[in-house]
Amino acid sequence: MNADSLKIKIAQKVLNTNDTTLIKQLDAVMKAHETDFWDELTAEQQASITRGKAQIKAGKGLNTEEVLSKYKRWLTVLLSRIRIVSDLTSSITV
C-alpha cells in the first residue's frame, strides 16, 4: 500500500470513529511529529539570527536595494569572469 492510499485509509477511520481518546492520541502523535526549524538549528545559529534581528530593529541592516547597489559592480565583474572561464573551458577538447 502506498503512502497516499494509507493516508486515505487512516483519514476514513478517523472520520468514522467516535473514540475521543483515540482522536486525542492521534493528535498528540501528529503534534510530536511536527518540528520547528528553529529547534533544529544549533545554539550558535540561533544566536546569530537573534543578533541579526536585533541589528535590523536598531536600523543597522541594509535593504535589498542598498545591497544590490553596493555589490552591483563586483557582481558584474564576477559574472564577466565566469563567462570568460566558461567560454575558455567549452573550447577545450580532450
N, C-alpha and C. Protein backbone atom coordinates (compact mmCIF):
# COMPACT_ATOMS: atom_id res chain seq x y z
N MET A 1 0.86 -1.18 0.00
CA MET A 1 0.00 0.00 0.00
C MET A 1 0.90 1.24 0.00
N ASN A 2 0.64 2.16 -0.92
CA ASN A 2 1.46 3.37 -0.98
C ASN A 2 1.00 4.39 0.06
N ALA A 3 1.78 5.43 0.23
CA ALA A 3 1.53 6.42 1.27
C ALA A 3 0.18 7.12 1.09
N ASP A 4 -0.18 7.46 -0.14
CA ASP A 4 -1.45 8.15 -0.37
C ASP A 4 -2.64 7.27 0.00
N SER A 5 -2.58 6.01 -0.36
CA SER A 5 -3.67 5.08 -0.02
C SER A 5 -3.78 4.92 1.48
N LEU A 6 -2.64 4.83 2.14
CA LEU A 6 -2.63 4.66 3.59
C LEU A 6 -3.20 5.90 4.28
N LYS A 7 -2.86 7.09 3.77
CA LYS A 7 -3.40 8.32 4.36
C LYS A 7 -4.92 8.36 4.23
N ILE A 8 -5.43 7.96 3.08
CA ILE A 8 -6.88 7.96 2.87
C ILE A 8 -7.54 6.96 3.81
N LYS A 9 -6.94 5.79 3.94
CA LYS A 9 -7.49 4.75 4.82
C LYS A 9 -7.52 5.24 6.28
N ILE A 10 -6.44 5.87 6.72
CA ILE A 10 -6.38 6.38 8.09
C ILE A 10 -7.40 7.50 8.28
N ALA A 11 -7.49 8.41 7.30
CA ALA A 11 -8.44 9.52 7.40
C ALA A 11 -9.87 9.00 7.50
N GLN A 12 -10.20 7.98 6.72
CA GLN A 12 -11.55 7.41 6.78
C GLN A 12 -11.83 6.82 8.16
N LYS A 13 -10.84 6.12 8.72
CA LYS A 13 -11.03 5.53 10.05
C LYS A 13 -11.20 6.62 11.11
N VAL A 14 -10.43 7.68 11.00
CA VAL A 14 -10.54 8.78 11.96
C VAL A 14 -11.91 9.43 11.85
N LEU A 15 -12.37 9.66 10.63
CA LEU A 15 -13.68 10.28 10.43
C LEU A 15 -14.82 9.41 10.93
N ASN A 16 -14.63 8.11 10.91
CA ASN A 16 -15.70 7.19 11.31
C ASN A 16 -15.67 6.81 12.79
N THR A 17 -14.66 7.25 13.53
CA THR A 17 -14.59 6.87 14.94
C THR A 17 -15.22 7.93 15.83
N ASN A 18 -15.75 7.48 16.95
CA ASN A 18 -16.27 8.38 17.97
C ASN A 18 -15.41 8.29 19.23
N ASP A 19 -14.30 7.58 19.14
CA ASP A 19 -13.41 7.37 20.28
C ASP A 19 -12.56 8.62 20.50
N THR A 20 -13.00 9.44 21.44
CA THR A 20 -12.32 10.70 21.73
C THR A 20 -10.88 10.48 22.19
N THR A 21 -10.67 9.43 22.97
CA THR A 21 -9.31 9.13 23.45
C THR A 21 -8.39 8.84 22.28
N LEU A 22 -8.85 8.05 21.33
CA LEU A 22 -8.05 7.71 20.16
C LEU A 22 -7.75 8.97 19.34
N ILE A 23 -8.74 9.81 19.16
CA ILE A 23 -8.54 11.05 18.39
C ILE A 23 -7.51 11.94 19.08
N LYS A 24 -7.59 12.05 20.41
CA LYS A 24 -6.62 12.85 21.15
C LYS A 24 -5.21 12.25 21.05
N GLN A 25 -5.14 10.92 21.09
CA GLN A 25 -3.83 10.26 20.96
C GLN A 25 -3.24 10.50 19.57
N LEU A 26 -4.06 10.41 18.55
CA LEU A 26 -3.59 10.68 17.19
C LEU A 26 -3.11 12.13 17.06
N ASP A 27 -3.85 13.03 17.66
CA ASP A 27 -3.47 14.44 17.63
C ASP A 27 -2.12 14.65 18.33
N ALA A 28 -1.92 13.99 19.45
CA ALA A 28 -0.66 14.10 20.18
C ALA A 28 0.50 13.56 19.35
N VAL A 29 0.27 12.43 18.66
CA VAL A 29 1.31 11.85 17.81
C VAL A 29 1.65 12.82 16.68
N MET A 30 0.64 13.40 16.06
CA MET A 30 0.88 14.33 14.96
C MET A 30 1.63 15.58 15.45
N LYS A 31 1.26 16.10 16.61
CA LYS A 31 1.94 17.28 17.15
C LYS A 31 3.39 16.96 17.49
N ALA A 32 3.63 15.77 18.01
CA ALA A 32 5.00 15.37 18.36
C ALA A 32 5.85 15.22 17.10
N HIS A 33 5.22 14.89 16.00
CA HIS A 33 5.93 14.69 14.74
C HIS A 33 6.29 16.02 14.07
N GLU A 34 5.50 17.06 14.35
CA GLU A 34 5.77 18.37 13.76
C GLU A 34 7.04 18.93 14.37
N THR A 35 7.88 19.50 13.53
CA THR A 35 9.11 20.11 14.04
C THR A 35 9.19 21.54 13.56
N ASP A 36 9.76 22.36 14.38
CA ASP A 36 10.01 23.75 14.05
C ASP A 36 11.47 23.85 13.63
N PHE A 37 11.74 24.47 12.49
CA PHE A 37 13.11 24.55 12.01
C PHE A 37 14.02 25.20 13.04
N TRP A 38 13.48 26.10 13.85
CA TRP A 38 14.28 26.79 14.87
C TRP A 38 14.91 25.78 15.83
N ASP A 39 14.14 24.78 16.20
CA ASP A 39 14.64 23.76 17.13
C ASP A 39 15.74 22.91 16.52
N GLU A 40 15.82 22.88 15.21
CA GLU A 40 16.83 22.08 14.54
C GLU A 40 18.14 22.85 14.32
N LEU A 41 18.12 24.16 14.59
CA LEU A 41 19.33 24.98 14.45
C LEU A 41 20.22 24.80 15.67
N THR A 42 21.52 24.98 15.47
CA THR A 42 22.44 24.94 16.60
C THR A 42 22.25 26.21 17.43
N ALA A 43 22.77 26.18 18.65
CA ALA A 43 22.69 27.36 19.53
C ALA A 43 23.39 28.55 18.88
N GLU A 44 24.50 28.28 18.19
CA GLU A 44 25.23 29.36 17.52
C GLU A 44 24.41 29.98 16.40
N GLN A 45 23.71 29.14 15.63
CA GLN A 45 22.87 29.64 14.54
C GLN A 45 21.72 30.47 15.10
N GLN A 46 21.10 29.97 16.17
CA GLN A 46 20.01 30.72 16.79
C GLN A 46 20.49 32.07 17.30
N ALA A 47 21.66 32.09 17.94
CA ALA A 47 22.22 33.34 18.47
C ALA A 47 22.52 34.32 17.34
N SER A 48 23.03 33.80 16.23
CA SER A 48 23.35 34.65 15.08
C SER A 48 22.08 35.29 14.51
N ILE A 49 21.04 34.51 14.39
CA ILE A 49 19.77 35.03 13.87
C ILE A 49 19.19 36.06 14.83
N THR A 50 19.26 35.77 16.12
CA THR A 50 18.75 36.71 17.13
C THR A 50 19.52 38.03 17.07
N ARG A 51 20.85 37.96 16.93
CA ARG A 51 21.65 39.18 16.81
C ARG A 51 21.26 39.96 15.54
N GLY A 52 21.09 39.24 14.45
CA GLY A 52 20.71 39.88 13.19
C GLY A 52 19.37 40.60 13.30
N LYS A 53 18.41 39.95 13.94
CA LYS A 53 17.10 40.58 14.12
C LYS A 53 17.20 41.84 14.98
N ALA A 54 18.05 41.78 16.01
CA ALA A 54 18.25 42.95 16.87
C ALA A 54 18.91 44.08 16.08
N GLN A 55 19.87 43.74 15.22
CA GLN A 55 20.53 44.75 14.39
C GLN A 55 19.55 45.41 13.44
N ILE A 56 18.67 44.62 12.86
CA ILE A 56 17.66 45.18 11.95
C ILE A 56 16.74 46.14 12.71
N LYS A 57 16.30 45.73 13.90
CA LYS A 57 15.44 46.61 14.71
C LYS A 57 16.15 47.91 15.06
N ALA A 58 17.47 47.84 15.24
CA ALA A 58 18.25 49.03 15.59
C ALA A 58 18.60 49.87 14.37
N GLY A 59 18.12 49.45 13.20
CA GLY A 59 18.37 50.21 11.97
C GLY A 59 19.75 50.00 11.39
N LYS A 60 20.41 48.91 11.76
CA LYS A 60 21.77 48.66 11.29
C LYS A 60 21.82 47.78 10.04
N GLY A 61 20.70 47.35 9.57
CA GLY A 61 20.68 46.46 8.41
C GLY A 61 20.64 47.23 7.10
N LEU A 62 20.84 46.52 6.00
CA LEU A 62 20.74 47.09 4.66
C LEU A 62 19.53 46.48 3.97
N ASN A 63 18.81 47.31 3.22
CA ASN A 63 17.71 46.74 2.45
C ASN A 63 18.25 46.19 1.13
N THR A 64 17.42 45.52 0.39
CA THR A 64 17.83 44.86 -0.84
C THR A 64 18.46 45.84 -1.83
N GLU A 65 17.84 47.01 -1.99
CA GLU A 65 18.37 47.99 -2.94
C GLU A 65 19.78 48.44 -2.56
N GLU A 66 20.02 48.64 -1.27
CA GLU A 66 21.35 49.06 -0.82
C GLU A 66 22.39 47.98 -1.08
N VAL A 67 22.03 46.75 -0.83
CA VAL A 67 22.96 45.64 -1.06
C VAL A 67 23.26 45.52 -2.55
N LEU A 68 22.22 45.56 -3.38
CA LEU A 68 22.42 45.44 -4.82
C LEU A 68 23.27 46.58 -5.35
N SER A 69 23.01 47.79 -4.87
CA SER A 69 23.79 48.94 -5.31
C SER A 69 25.25 48.80 -4.92
N LYS A 70 25.48 48.35 -3.70
CA LYS A 70 26.84 48.22 -3.18
C LYS A 70 27.64 47.17 -3.94
N TYR A 71 27.00 46.09 -4.30
CA TYR A 71 27.72 44.98 -4.91
C TYR A 71 27.50 44.83 -6.41
N LYS A 72 26.81 45.77 -7.03
CA LYS A 72 26.50 45.66 -8.46
C LYS A 72 27.77 45.55 -9.30
N ARG A 73 28.73 46.44 -9.09
CA ARG A 73 29.97 46.40 -9.88
C ARG A 73 30.71 45.09 -9.63
N TRP A 74 30.83 44.70 -8.39
CA TRP A 74 31.52 43.46 -8.04
C TRP A 74 30.87 42.26 -8.74
N LEU A 75 29.54 42.21 -8.70
CA LEU A 75 28.82 41.11 -9.34
C LEU A 75 29.02 41.14 -10.86
N THR A 76 29.02 42.32 -11.45
CA THR A 76 29.21 42.45 -12.89
C THR A 76 30.57 41.90 -13.30
N VAL A 77 31.61 42.28 -12.57
CA VAL A 77 32.97 41.79 -12.86
C VAL A 77 33.03 40.28 -12.67
N LEU A 78 32.47 39.79 -11.58
CA LEU A 78 32.50 38.36 -11.31
C LEU A 78 31.79 37.57 -12.41
N LEU A 79 30.63 38.01 -12.82
CA LEU A 79 29.89 37.31 -13.86
C LEU A 79 30.63 37.34 -15.19
N SER A 80 31.29 38.45 -15.49
CA SER A 80 32.10 38.54 -16.71
C SER A 80 33.22 37.51 -16.68
N ARG A 81 33.88 37.39 -15.54
CA ARG A 81 34.96 36.42 -15.41
C ARG A 81 34.45 34.99 -15.53
N ILE A 82 33.29 34.73 -14.97
CA ILE A 82 32.71 33.39 -15.08
C ILE A 82 32.42 33.07 -16.54
N ARG A 83 31.87 34.03 -17.28
CA ARG A 83 31.59 33.81 -18.70
C ARG A 83 32.87 33.54 -19.48
N ILE A 84 33.93 34.28 -19.17
CA ILE A 84 35.21 34.07 -19.86
C ILE A 84 35.74 32.67 -19.59
N VAL A 85 35.71 32.25 -18.33
CA VAL A 85 36.18 30.91 -17.98
C VAL A 85 35.31 29.86 -18.65
N SER A 86 34.02 30.08 -18.65
CA SER A 86 33.11 29.13 -19.29
C SER A 86 33.39 29.02 -20.78
N ASP A 87 33.61 30.16 -21.43
CA ASP A 87 33.93 30.16 -22.86
C ASP A 87 35.24 29.43 -23.12
N LEU A 88 36.23 29.67 -22.27
CA LEU A 88 37.53 29.01 -22.45
C LEU A 88 37.42 27.50 -22.27
N THR A 89 36.71 27.09 -21.25
CA THR A 89 36.62 25.64 -20.98
C THR A 89 35.77 24.93 -22.02
N SER A 90 34.79 25.61 -22.58
CA SER A 90 33.95 24.96 -23.59
C SER A 90 34.70 24.78 -24.91
N SER A 91 35.75 25.57 -25.12
CA SER A 91 36.50 25.45 -26.37
C SER A 91 37.65 24.44 -26.27
N ILE A 92 37.89 23.93 -25.07
CA ILE A 92 38.96 22.94 -24.88
C ILE A 92 38.44 21.56 -25.22
N THR A 93 39.19 20.85 -26.03
CA THR A 93 38.81 19.47 -26.35
C THR A 93 39.83 18.53 -25.72
N VAL A 94 39.33 17.44 -25.25
CA VAL A 94 40.20 16.46 -24.59
C VAL A 94 40.47 15.30 -25.49
